[in-house]
Amino acid sequence: MSKKFQKETIYPLALGVALTFTLAGCGLFTPPPTPHGEVQGASVTAGELAQSDVNRVATLAMRDNLDSLYRLLDKLYRRNPAEWKKTASSREDAIKRVRNSLEAHQPWAELQGKHDIAALSLALDANFQGDRAAAFIYATGDMMITAHGGKTSFYLIDGLNAQYLYNAARNMEIATWILGSRRSPAGQILLLSNDISDAEHNLSFEREFGKIIGRIDLLSVVVIEKYRRAGITYAQNLVGGTFLQFLPVR
């Protein structure tokens, strides 16, 4: 066998073998993608028969927003354990009390019968002495529910005011800014939440509040679009009824 034949035959063969092992190695040693969960739909209920698409979106958004608030309350209690000790025997019990009061539309005693933005202002008052974490989350939730017409589930007979929803989102932004900047008479931050320091970067509070604000803003646009699209659909049907009819062919 000539040297030329050996080069022309062996070199491509070696290159092919090396390429095969390289590709196999990529498949063997590349870690599989990390699972991040999947979208889960709720089971169908009889009540959904009395809901429009917008009603359903509003109901799901409210459910997720309330869950976000309870998650934020848990985070606040973990960073400010002295707060839950003012009203409950455990962190879990304190969260449960806020959840039950908010969803049953029961007043929060420490807020002196105040609701909506009045309750939120009191919860963020520098001289407030009660469980500030509970008062803040309860007042925020009460303000949000008020903007939704005082309801947490929505049906065909219910209407939503897009401007009230928009205002609620802005109130949420103002409240989170106050929470992170206002100080007590002793010079301490009202509640420890976000932390940006050399030792830690914790922006989980801001992200969770951002989710709530984003959902409310989107819902306000959906509500506006609902009425706008109704007018456009009416015009389309009117024009279509006159000009877009099929003609007989026999």
C-alpha atoms as a PDB file:
ATOM      1  CA  MET A   1       0.000   0.000   0.000  1.00  0.00           C
ATOM      2  CA  SER A   2       1.441   3.370  -0.983  1.00  0.00           C
ATOM      3  CA  LYS A   3       1.998   6.157   1.507  1.00  0.00           C
ATOM      4  CA  LYS A   4      -0.306   8.386  -0.523  1.00  0.00           C
ATOM      5  CA  PHE A   5      -3.135   5.836  -0.294  1.00  0.00           C
ATOM      6  CA  GLN A   6      -2.597   5.492   3.473  1.00  0.00           C
ATOM      7  CA  LYS A   7      -2.844   9.247   3.999  1.00  0.00           C
ATOM      8  CA  GLU A   8      -5.950   9.598   1.851  1.00  0.00           C
ATOM      9  CA  THR A   9      -7.683   6.682   3.625  1.00  0.00           C
ATOM     10  CA  ILE A  10      -6.559   6.783   7.261  1.00  0.00           C
ATOM     11  CA  TYR A  11      -6.676  10.547   7.905  1.00  0.00           C
ATOM     12  CA  PRO A  12     -10.369  11.013   6.956  1.00  0.00           C
ATOM     13  CA  LEU A  13     -11.216   7.851   8.913  1.00  0.00           C
ATOM     14  CA  ALA A  14      -9.432   9.139  12.012  1.00  0.00           C
ATOM     15  CA  LEU A  15     -11.094  12.528  11.651  1.00  0.00           C
ATOM     16  CA  GLY A  16     -14.527  10.877  11.419  1.00  0.00           C
ATOM     17  CA  VAL A  17     -13.895   8.761  14.510  1.00  0.00           C
ATOM     18  CA  ALA A  18     -12.691  11.793  16.475  1.00  0.00           C
ATOM     19  CA  LEU A  19     -15.724  13.809  15.399  1.00  0.00           C
ATOM     20  CA  THR A  20     -18.040  10.962  16.398  1.00  0.00           C
ATOM     21  CA  PHE A  21     -16.544  10.760  19.881  1.00  0.00           C
ATOM     22  CA  THR A  22     -16.666  14.551  20.220  1.00  0.00           C
ATOM     23  CA  LEU A  23     -20.366  14.688  19.383  1.00  0.00           C
ATOM     24  CA  ALA A  24     -21.069  11.735  21.643  1.00  0.00           C
ATOM     25  CA  GLY A  25     -19.150  13.432  24.408  1.00  0.00           C
ATOM     26  CA  CYS A  26     -21.234  16.557  24.021  1.00  0.00           C
ATOM     27  CA  GLY A  27     -24.365  14.493  24.433  1.00  0.00           C
ATOM     28  CA  LEU A  28     -22.990  12.519  27.362  1.00  0.00           C
ATOM     29  CA  PHE A  29     -21.504  15.305  29.395  1.00  0.00           C
ATOM     30  CA  THR A  30     -23.877  18.201  28.663  1.00  0.00           C
ATOM     31  CA  PRO A  31     -26.161  18.468  31.704  1.00  0.00           C
ATOM     32  CA  PRO A  32     -29.884  18.167  30.999  1.00  0.00           C
ATOM     33  CA  PRO A  33     -31.933  21.370  31.231  1.00  0.00           C
ATOM     34  CA  THR A  34     -33.080  22.204  34.745  1.00  0.00           C
ATOM     35  CA  PRO A  35     -36.857  21.771  35.111  1.00  0.00           C
ATOM     36  CA  HIS A  36     -38.645  24.986  36.047  1.00  0.00           C
ATOM     37  CA  GLY A  37     -42.172  23.596  36.252  1.00  0.00           C
ATOM     38  CA  GLU A  38     -44.972  23.950  33.756  1.00  0.00           C
ATOM     39  CA  VAL A  39     -48.178  25.908  33.312  1.00  0.00           C
ATOM     40  CA  GLN A  40     -50.997  24.385  35.345  1.00  0.00           C
ATOM     41  CA  GLY A  41     -54.618  25.070  34.503  1.00  0.00           C
ATOM     42  CA  ALA A  42     -57.312  25.071  37.170  1.00  0.00           C
ATOM     43  CA  SER A  43     -60.017  22.425  37.110  1.00  0.00           C
ATOM     44  CA  VAL A  44     -63.314  23.481  35.555  1.00  0.00           C
ATOM     45  CA  THR A  45     -66.024  24.540  38.003  1.00  0.00           C
ATOM     46  CA  ALA A  46     -69.736  25.196  37.556  1.00  0.00           C
ATOM     47  CA  GLY A  47     -69.221  28.844  38.526  1.00  0.00           C
ATOM     48  CA  GLU A  48     -67.187  29.447  35.368  1.00  0.00           C
ATOM     49  CA  LEU A  49     -70.385  29.204  33.321  1.00  0.00           C
ATOM     50  CA  ALA A  50     -71.265  32.614  34.753  1.00  0.00           C
ATOM     51  CA  GLN A  51     -67.882  34.131  33.884  1.00  0.00           C
ATOM     52  CA  SER A  52     -66.731  35.906  30.752  1.00  0.00           C
ATOM     53  CA  ASP A  53     -63.102  35.679  29.633  1.00  0.00           C
ATOM     54  CA  VAL A  54     -62.335  38.982  31.358  1.00  0.00           C
ATOM     55  CA  ASN A  55     -64.093  37.788  34.541  1.00  0.00           C
ATOM     56  CA  ARG A  56     -61.928  34.692  34.555  1.00  0.00           C
ATOM     57  CA  VAL A  57     -58.715  36.633  33.984  1.00  0.00           C
ATOM     58  CA  ALA A  58     -59.621  39.022  36.828  1.00  0.00           C
ATOM     59  CA  THR A  59     -60.400  36.128  39.187  1.00  0.00           C
ATOM     60  CA  LEU A  60     -57.131  34.344  38.447  1.00  0.00           C
ATOM     61  CA  ALA A  61     -55.139  37.578  38.753  1.00  0.00           C
ATOM     62  CA  MET A  62     -56.715  38.311  42.129  1.00  0.00           C
ATOM     63  CA  ARG A  63     -55.932  34.789  43.343  1.00  0.00           C
ATOM     64  CA  ASP A  64     -52.287  35.136  42.328  1.00  0.00           C
ATOM     65  CA  ASN A  65     -52.012  38.662  43.760  1.00  0.00           C
ATOM     66  CA  LEU A  66     -53.331  37.554  47.143  1.00  0.00           C
ATOM     67  CA  ASP A  67     -50.913  34.621  47.142  1.00  0.00           C
ATOM     68  CA  SER A  68     -48.104  37.078  46.399  1.00  0.00           C
ATOM     69  CA  LEU A  69     -49.149  39.236  49.348  1.00  0.00           C
ATOM     70  CA  TYR A  70     -49.115  36.261  51.722  1.00  0.00           C
ATOM     71  CA  ARG A  71     -45.709  35.298  50.369  1.00  0.00           C
ATOM     72  CA  LEU A  72     -44.490  38.836  51.021  1.00  0.00           C
ATOM     73  CA  LEU A  73     -45.903  38.729  54.547  1.00  0.00           C
ATOM     74  CA  ASP A  74     -43.959  35.539  55.219  1.00  0.00           C
ATOM     75  CA  LYS A  75     -40.792  37.192  53.898  1.00  0.00           C
ATOM     76  CA  LEU A  76     -41.381  40.277  56.055  1.00  0.00           C
ATOM     77  CA  TYR A  77     -41.911  38.139  59.141  1.00  0.00           C
ATOM     78  CA  ARG A  78     -38.715  36.216  58.481  1.00  0.00           C
ATOM     79  CA  ARG A  79     -36.740  39.452  58.280  1.00  0.00           C
ATOM     80  CA  ASN A  80     -38.705  41.146  61.079  1.00  0.00           C
ATOM     81  CA  PRO A  81     -39.620  38.385  63.571  1.00  0.00           C
ATOM     82  CA  ALA A  82     -40.439  40.897  66.305  1.00  0.00           C
ATOM     83  CA  GLU A  83     -43.556  41.892  64.336  1.00  0.00           C
ATOM     84  CA  TRP A  84     -45.462  38.590  64.377  1.00  0.00           C
ATOM     85  CA  LYS A  85     -44.644  38.155  68.067  1.00  0.00           C
ATOM     86  CA  LYS A  86     -46.825  41.210  68.792  1.00  0.00           C
ATOM     87  CA  THR A  87     -50.042  39.446  67.740  1.00  0.00           C
ATOM     88  CA  ALA A  88     -49.542  35.682  67.412  1.00  0.00           C
ATOM     89  CA  SER A  89     -47.831  32.626  68.875  1.00  0.00           C
ATOM     90  CA  SER A  90     -46.109  31.700  65.602  1.00  0.00           C
ATOM     91  CA  ARG A  91     -45.293  33.122  62.196  1.00  0.00           C
ATOM     92  CA  GLU A  92     -47.663  30.680  60.508  1.00  0.00           C
ATOM     93  CA  ASP A  93     -50.523  31.644  62.823  1.00  0.00           C
ATOM     94  CA  ALA A  94     -49.929  35.352  62.179  1.00  0.00           C
ATOM     95  CA  ILE A  95     -50.087  34.808  58.403  1.00  0.00           C
ATOM     96  CA  LYS A  96     -53.263  32.745  58.746  1.00  0.00           C
ATOM     97  CA  ARG A  97     -54.949  35.484  60.765  1.00  0.00           C
ATOM     98  CA  VAL A  98     -54.207  38.094  58.106  1.00  0.00           C
ATOM     99  CA  ARG A  99     -55.397  35.775  55.321  1.00  0.00           C
ATOM    100  CA  ASN A 100     -58.664  34.969  57.082  1.00  0.00           C
ATOM    101  CA  SER A 101     -59.407  38.607  57.941  1.00  0.00           C
ATOM    102  CA  LEU A 102     -58.613  39.894  54.462  1.00  0.00           C
ATOM    103  CA  GLU A 103     -60.583  37.287  52.531  1.00  0.00           C
ATOM    104  CA  ALA A 104     -63.560  37.500  54.908  1.00  0.00           C
ATOM    105  CA  HIS A 105     -63.522  41.317  54.659  1.00  0.00           C
ATOM    106  CA  GLN A 106     -63.099  41.587  58.431  1.00  0.00           C
ATOM    107  CA  PRO A 107     -61.487  44.771  59.792  1.00  0.00           C
ATOM    108  CA  TRP A 108     -57.965  44.604  61.197  1.00  0.00           C
ATOM    109  CA  ALA A 109     -58.186  45.859  64.782  1.00  0.00           C
ATOM    110  CA  GLU A 110     -54.826  47.638  64.795  1.00  0.00           C
ATOM    111  CA  LEU A 111     -55.914  49.764  61.840  1.00  0.00           C
ATOM    112  CA  GLN A 112     -58.649  51.376  63.926  1.00  0.00           C
ATOM    113  CA  GLY A 113     -61.457  50.556  61.514  1.00  0.00           C
ATOM    114  CA  LYS A 114     -59.694  52.239  58.580  1.00  0.00           C
ATOM    115  CA  HIS A 115     -59.791  50.756  55.075  1.00  0.00           C
ATOM    116  CA  ASP A 116     -58.254  51.272  51.665  1.00  0.00           C
ATOM    117  CA  ILE A 117     -55.638  54.054  51.382  1.00  0.00           C
ATOM    118  CA  ALA A 118     -56.464  55.381  54.865  1.00  0.00           C
ATOM    119  CA  ALA A 119     -55.465  52.006  56.331  1.00  0.00           C
ATOM    120  CA  LEU A 120     -52.339  51.935  54.167  1.00  0.00           C
ATOM    121  CA  SER A 121     -51.315  55.397  55.358  1.00  0.00           C
ATOM    122  CA  LEU A 122     -51.726  54.336  58.999  1.00  0.00           C
ATOM    123  CA  ALA A 123     -49.738  51.133  58.483  1.00  0.00           C
ATOM    124  CA  LEU A 124     -46.878  53.212  57.045  1.00  0.00           C
ATOM    125  CA  ASP A 125     -47.041  55.895  59.718  1.00  0.00           C
ATOM    126  CA  ALA A 126     -43.677  56.197  61.452  1.00  0.00           C
ATOM    127  CA  ASN A 127     -45.345  56.143  64.871  1.00  0.00           C
ATOM    128  CA  PHE A 128     -47.430  52.994  64.311  1.00  0.00           C
ATOM    129  CA  GLN A 129     -46.806  50.620  67.221  1.00  0.00           C
ATOM    130  CA  GLY A 130     -48.636  47.434  66.219  1.00  0.00           C
ATOM    131  CA  ASP A 131     -47.657  44.536  63.981  1.00  0.00           C
ATOM    132  CA  ARG A 132     -46.594  46.676  61.042  1.00  0.00           C
ATOM    133  CA  ALA A 133     -45.992  43.747  58.689  1.00  0.00           C
ATOM    134  CA  ALA A 134     -49.538  42.437  59.172  1.00  0.00           C
ATOM    135  CA  ALA A 135     -51.058  45.919  59.003  1.00  0.00           C
ATOM    136  CA  PHE A 136     -49.136  46.782  55.833  1.00  0.00           C
ATOM    137  CA  ILE A 137     -50.059  43.589  53.971  1.00  0.00           C
ATOM    138  CA  TYR A 138     -53.679  43.709  55.149  1.00  0.00           C
ATOM    139  CA  ALA A 139     -54.039  47.371  54.135  1.00  0.00           C
ATOM    140  CA  THR A 140     -52.379  46.732  50.763  1.00  0.00           C
ATOM    141  CA  GLY A 141     -54.714  43.820  50.098  1.00  0.00           C
ATOM    142  CA  ASP A 142     -57.752  45.808  51.229  1.00  0.00           C
ATOM    143  CA  MET A 143     -56.815  48.661  48.903  1.00  0.00           C
ATOM    144  CA  MET A 144     -56.368  46.231  46.023  1.00  0.00           C
ATOM    145  CA  ILE A 145     -59.718  44.511  46.656  1.00  0.00           C
ATOM    146  CA  THR A 146     -61.450  47.898  46.939  1.00  0.00           C
ATOM    147  CA  ALA A 147     -60.094  48.831  43.497  1.00  0.00           C
ATOM    148  CA  HIS A 148     -61.675  45.620  42.176  1.00  0.00           C
ATOM    149  CA  GLY A 149     -65.108  46.638  43.415  1.00  0.00           C
ATOM    150  CA  GLY A 150     -64.729  44.950  46.793  1.00  0.00           C
ATOM    151  CA  LYS A 151     -64.651  41.454  45.289  1.00  0.00           C
ATOM    152  CA  THR A 152     -62.158  38.638  44.800  1.00  0.00           C
ATOM    153  CA  SER A 153     -64.191  36.590  42.291  1.00  0.00           C
ATOM    154  CA  PHE A 154     -65.893  38.070  39.241  1.00  0.00           C
ATOM    155  CA  TYR A 155     -68.940  37.080  37.194  1.00  0.00           C
ATOM    156  CA  LEU A 156     -71.041  38.386  34.310  1.00  0.00           C
ATOM    157  CA  ILE A 157     -72.935  40.839  36.511  1.00  0.00           C
ATOM    158  CA  ASP A 158     -69.689  42.385  37.785  1.00  0.00           C
ATOM    159  CA  GLY A 159     -67.884  45.332  36.237  1.00  0.00           C
ATOM    160  CA  LEU A 160     -64.373  46.652  36.761  1.00  0.00           C
ATOM    161  CA  ASN A 161     -63.170  50.240  36.598  1.00  0.00           C
ATOM    162  CA  ALA A 162     -59.920  50.441  34.652  1.00  0.00           C
ATOM    163  CA  GLN A 163     -58.897  53.748  36.260  1.00  0.00           C
ATOM    164  CA  TYR A 164     -59.354  52.358  39.777  1.00  0.00           C
ATOM    165  CA  LEU A 165     -57.173  49.397  38.857  1.00  0.00           C
ATOM    166  CA  TYR A 166     -54.528  51.703  37.417  1.00  0.00           C
ATOM    167  CA  ASN A 167     -54.626  53.828  40.592  1.00  0.00           C
ATOM    168  CA  ALA A 168     -54.208  50.708  42.743  1.00  0.00           C
ATOM    169  CA  ALA A 169     -51.050  49.760  40.842  1.00  0.00           C
ATOM    170  CA  ARG A 170     -49.622  53.253  41.389  1.00  0.00           C
ATOM    171  CA  ASN A 171     -50.547  53.102  45.091  1.00  0.00           C
ATOM    172  CA  MET A 172     -48.635  49.827  45.290  1.00  0.00           C
ATOM    173  CA  GLU A 173     -45.559  51.474  43.810  1.00  0.00           C
ATOM    174  CA  ILE A 174     -45.776  54.381  46.268  1.00  0.00           C
ATOM    175  CA  ALA A 175     -46.261  52.025  49.227  1.00  0.00           C
ATOM    176  CA  THR A 176     -43.220  49.917  48.358  1.00  0.00           C
ATOM    177  CA  TRP A 177     -41.097  53.048  47.997  1.00  0.00           C
ATOM    178  CA  ILE A 178     -42.250  54.330  51.400  1.00  0.00           C
ATOM    179  CA  LEU A 179     -41.614  50.923  52.952  1.00  0.00           C
ATOM    180  CA  GLY A 180     -38.008  50.990  51.813  1.00  0.00           C
ATOM    181  CA  SER A 181     -37.241  54.622  52.609  1.00  0.00           C
ATOM    182  CA  ARG A 182     -39.269  55.899  55.576  1.00  0.00           C
ATOM    183  CA  ARG A 183     -37.754  55.608  59.048  1.00  0.00           C
ATOM    184  CA  SER A 184     -39.111  55.491  62.577  1.00  0.00           C
ATOM    185  CA  PRO A 185     -38.492  58.348  65.068  1.00  0.00           C
ATOM    186  CA  ALA A 186     -35.513  56.294  66.294  1.00  0.00           C
ATOM    187  CA  GLY A 187     -34.012  56.364  62.816  1.00  0.00           C
ATOM    188  CA  GLN A 188     -34.699  52.716  61.961  1.00  0.00           C
ATOM    189  CA  ILE A 189     -36.196  51.564  58.665  1.00  0.00           C
ATOM    190  CA  LEU A 190     -39.888  50.731  59.104  1.00  0.00           C
ATOM    191  CA  LEU A 191     -39.502  47.116  57.978  1.00  0.00           C
ATOM    192  CA  LEU A 192     -36.486  45.247  56.649  1.00  0.00           C
ATOM    193  CA  SER A 193     -37.247  44.099  53.125  1.00  0.00           C
ATOM    194  CA  ASN A 194     -34.899  44.466  50.133  1.00  0.00           C
ATOM    195  CA  ASP A 195     -31.228  44.365  51.005  1.00  0.00           C
ATOM    196  CA  ILE A 196     -28.416  45.559  48.769  1.00  0.00           C
ATOM    197  CA  SER A 197     -25.103  45.393  50.591  1.00  0.00           C
ATOM    198  CA  ASP A 198     -21.631  43.920  50.240  1.00  0.00           C
ATOM    199  CA  ALA A 199     -22.802  40.817  52.083  1.00  0.00           C
ATOM    200  CA  GLU A 200     -26.168  40.272  50.384  1.00  0.00           C
ATOM    201  CA  HIS A 201     -28.255  41.203  47.363  1.00  0.00           C
ATOM    202  CA  ASN A 202     -31.896  40.435  48.160  1.00  0.00           C
ATOM    203  CA  LEU A 203     -34.444  41.976  45.783  1.00  0.00           C
ATOM    204  CA  SER A 204     -37.100  39.293  46.191  1.00  0.00           C
ATOM    205  CA  PHE A 205     -39.545  41.776  47.757  1.00  0.00           C
ATOM    206  CA  GLU A 206     -39.286  44.139  44.811  1.00  0.00           C
ATOM    207  CA  ARG A 207     -39.749  41.289  42.340  1.00  0.00           C
ATOM    208  CA  GLU A 208     -42.891  40.019  44.106  1.00  0.00           C
ATOM    209  CA  PHE A 209     -44.410  43.484  44.316  1.00  0.00           C
ATOM    210  CA  GLY A 210     -43.524  43.954  40.655  1.00  0.00           C
ATOM    211  CA  LYS A 211     -45.537  40.848  39.754  1.00  0.00           C
ATOM    212  CA  ILE A 212     -48.614  42.238  41.537  1.00  0.00           C
ATOM    213  CA  ILE A 213     -48.265  45.642  39.892  1.00  0.00           C
ATOM    214  CA  GLY A 214     -47.799  44.038  36.481  1.00  0.00           C
ATOM    215  CA  ARG A 215     -50.927  41.883  36.842  1.00  0.00           C
ATOM    216  CA  ILE A 216     -53.076  44.834  37.916  1.00  0.00           C
ATOM    217  CA  ASP A 217     -51.752  47.043  35.109  1.00  0.00           C
ATOM    218  CA  LEU A 218     -52.429  44.338  32.527  1.00  0.00           C
ATOM    219  CA  LEU A 219     -55.956  43.819  33.851  1.00  0.00           C
ATOM    220  CA  SER A 220     -56.668  47.547  33.602  1.00  0.00           C
ATOM    221  CA  VAL A 221     -55.668  47.445  29.921  1.00  0.00           C
ATOM    222  CA  VAL A 222     -57.764  44.314  29.327  1.00  0.00           C
ATOM    223  CA  VAL A 223     -60.808  46.055  30.820  1.00  0.00           C
ATOM    224  CA  ILE A 224     -60.298  49.094  28.581  1.00  0.00           C
ATOM    225  CA  GLU A 225     -59.812  46.843  25.550  1.00  0.00           C
ATOM    226  CA  LYS A 226     -63.003  44.954  26.379  1.00  0.00           C
ATOM    227  CA  TYR A 227     -65.174  48.018  25.785  1.00  0.00           C
ATOM    228  CA  ARG A 228     -63.078  49.283  22.887  1.00  0.00           C
ATOM    229  CA  ARG A 229     -63.197  45.927  21.123  1.00  0.00           C
ATOM    230  CA  ALA A 230     -66.955  45.690  21.692  1.00  0.00           C
ATOM    231  CA  GLY A 231     -67.380  48.877  19.637  1.00  0.00           C
ATOM    232  CA  ILE A 232     -65.031  47.635  16.920  1.00  0.00           C
ATOM    233  CA  THR A 233     -66.811  44.270  16.756  1.00  0.00           C
ATOM    234  CA  TYR A 234     -70.151  46.023  16.425  1.00  0.00           C
ATOM    235  CA  ALA A 235     -68.802  48.112  13.539  1.00  0.00           C
ATOM    236  CA  GLN A 236     -67.316  45.033  11.877  1.00  0.00           C
ATOM    237  CA  ASN A 237     -70.621  43.190  12.093  1.00  0.00           C
ATOM    238  CA  LEU A 238     -72.466  46.229  10.765  1.00  0.00           C
ATOM    239  CA  VAL A 239     -70.152  46.557   7.770  1.00  0.00           C
ATOM    240  CA  GLY A 240     -69.978  42.824   7.245  1.00  0.00           C
ATOM    241  CA  GLY A 241     -73.726  42.491   7.260  1.00  0.00           C
ATOM    242  CA  THR A 242     -73.944  44.882   4.325  1.00  0.00           C
ATOM    243  CA  PHE A 243     -70.865  44.257   2.189  1.00  0.00           C
ATOM    244  CA  LEU A 244     -69.482  40.847   3.142  1.00  0.00           C
ATOM    245  CA  GLN A 245     -72.438  38.600   2.320  1.00  0.00           C
ATOM    246  CA  PHE A 246     -71.953  35.691  -0.038  1.00  0.00           C
ATOM    247  CA  LEU A 247     -73.739  35.962  -3.387  1.00  0.00           C
ATOM    248  CA  PRO A 248     -75.791  33.186  -4.958  1.00  0.00           C
ATOM    249  CA  VAL A 249     -74.015  31.286  -7.741  1.00  0.00           C
ATOM    250  CA  ARG A 250     -77.015  29.408  -9.159  1.00  0.00           C
END
